[in-house]
């Protein structure tokens, strides 16, 4: 199969663009997780060394409703957006859930509205 030089470079450019976009998406998720962990460690300073993606907000950090409100206010400030406290489920959630919640909220605020 013969591919012209222009076709080859177009395909190569497309591949590089997709790779860069995927790498950016991963670094964005990593950046969000890093910032969430920092905010959580500031909100719950006694647990800094034990934070992991599976750390449960209520069980492991001892959060009550006031702690959750404080956490949401701190996340609002960190990410310059408003997170709805009422969207936090009544059952315990882990830091991975909080990271996904932040990521999806930011994506919803950045997407064009119709």
Protein backbone atom coordinates (compact mmCIF):
# COMPACT_ATOMS: atom_id res chain seq x y z
CA UNK A 1 0.00 0.00 0.00
CA UNK A 2 1.36 3.38 -1.02
CA UNK A 3 0.82 6.41 1.21
CA UNK A 4 1.80 9.86 0.02
CA UNK A 5 4.10 11.98 2.13
CA UNK A 6 1.24 14.42 2.82
CA UNK A 7 -1.02 11.56 3.92
CA UNK A 8 1.71 10.14 6.11
CA UNK A 9 2.35 13.47 7.81
CA UNK A 10 -1.38 14.07 8.27
CA UNK A 11 -1.76 10.67 9.96
CA UNK A 12 1.35 11.27 12.06
CA UNK A 13 0.08 14.70 13.13
CA UNK A 14 -3.30 13.20 14.07
CA UNK A 15 -1.60 10.45 16.10
CA UNK A 16 0.65 12.94 17.91
CA UNK A 17 -2.33 15.21 18.64
CA UNK A 18 -4.33 12.32 20.11
CA UNK A 19 -1.34 11.23 22.22
CA UNK A 20 -0.76 14.76 23.52
CA UNK A 21 -4.48 15.15 24.30
CA UNK A 22 -4.49 11.86 26.24
CA UNK A 23 -1.36 12.85 28.12
CA UNK A 24 -2.93 16.24 28.92
CA UNK A 25 -6.10 14.53 30.15
CA UNK A 26 -4.07 12.27 32.45
CA UNK A 27 -2.00 15.17 33.78
CA UNK A 28 -5.20 17.16 34.32
CA UNK A 29 -6.69 14.28 36.32
CA UNK A 30 -3.41 13.98 38.24
CA UNK A 31 -3.43 17.72 38.88
CA UNK A 32 -7.03 17.57 40.13
CA UNK A 33 -6.21 14.63 42.40
CA UNK A 34 -3.11 16.40 43.75
CA UNK A 35 -5.12 19.55 44.50
CA UNK A 36 -7.99 17.57 46.07
CA UNK A 37 -5.55 15.69 48.31
CA UNK A 38 -3.91 18.98 49.33
CA UNK A 39 -7.29 20.54 50.20
CA UNK A 40 -8.34 17.43 52.13
CA UNK A 41 -5.03 17.41 54.04
CA UNK A 42 -5.59 21.06 54.96
CA UNK A 43 -9.20 20.38 56.00
CA UNK A 44 -8.24 17.26 58.00
CA UNK A 45 -4.68 18.08 59.15
CA UNK A 46 -4.38 15.14 61.54
CA UNK A 47 -4.56 12.59 58.69
CA UNK A 48 -2.05 13.97 56.19
CA UNK A 49 0.21 10.91 56.12
CA UNK A 50 -2.61 8.40 55.62
CA UNK A 51 -4.42 9.82 52.58
CA UNK A 52 -4.97 7.44 49.67
CA UNK A 53 -7.53 7.22 46.86
CA UNK A 54 -9.45 4.67 48.94
CA UNK A 55 -9.53 6.83 52.09
CA UNK A 56 -13.15 7.10 53.22
CA UNK A 57 -14.26 10.61 54.12
CA UNK A 58 -16.49 9.73 57.05
CA UNK A 59 -15.02 6.46 58.32
CA UNK A 60 -11.30 7.22 57.96
CA UNK A 61 -11.26 11.00 58.36
CA UNK A 62 -14.13 11.26 60.84
CA UNK A 63 -15.99 13.82 58.74
CA UNK A 64 -19.41 14.97 59.81
CA UNK A 65 -21.76 17.25 57.87
CA UNK A 66 -19.89 20.38 58.99
CA UNK A 67 -16.57 18.92 57.83
CA UNK A 68 -18.13 18.14 54.43
CA UNK A 69 -19.37 21.72 54.12
CA UNK A 70 -15.89 23.00 55.04
CA UNK A 71 -14.36 20.66 52.48
CA UNK A 72 -16.75 21.83 49.74
CA UNK A 73 -16.03 25.50 50.56
CA UNK A 74 -12.29 24.80 50.39
CA UNK A 75 -12.74 22.99 47.05
CA UNK A 76 -14.85 25.92 45.78
CA UNK A 77 -11.97 28.24 46.58
CA UNK A 78 -9.26 25.94 45.19
CA UNK A 79 -10.98 25.34 41.85
CA UNK A 80 -12.79 28.69 41.59
CA UNK A 81 -16.16 27.04 41.04
CA UNK A 82 -19.17 26.06 43.12
CA UNK A 83 -19.63 22.46 44.19
CA UNK A 84 -23.08 21.42 45.33
CA UNK A 85 -22.90 19.92 48.80
CA UNK A 86 -26.28 18.28 48.24
CA UNK A 87 -24.71 16.13 45.51
CA UNK A 88 -22.53 14.35 48.06
CA UNK A 89 -24.29 11.05 48.80
CA UNK A 90 -25.46 10.22 52.30
CA UNK A 91 -23.31 7.10 52.30
CA UNK A 92 -19.56 7.35 52.86
CA UNK A 93 -17.41 8.19 49.82
CA UNK A 94 -13.69 7.87 49.23
CA UNK A 95 -11.18 10.38 47.91
CA UNK A 96 -11.38 8.79 44.45
CA UNK A 97 -15.09 9.66 44.38
CA UNK A 98 -14.31 13.24 45.45
CA UNK A 99 -11.70 13.52 42.65
CA UNK A 100 -14.21 12.25 40.06
CA UNK A 101 -16.88 14.59 41.47
CA UNK A 102 -14.53 17.58 41.14
CA UNK A 103 -13.44 16.52 37.65
CA UNK A 104 -16.99 16.05 36.37
CA UNK A 105 -18.17 19.33 37.91
CA UNK A 106 -15.28 21.21 36.29
CA UNK A 107 -15.99 19.55 32.95
CA UNK A 108 -19.67 20.49 33.18
CA UNK A 109 -18.77 24.11 33.87
CA UNK A 110 -16.32 24.22 30.97
CA UNK A 111 -18.56 22.62 28.35
CA UNK A 112 -20.50 24.99 26.11
CA UNK A 113 -24.12 25.35 27.07
CA UNK A 114 -26.83 25.06 24.47
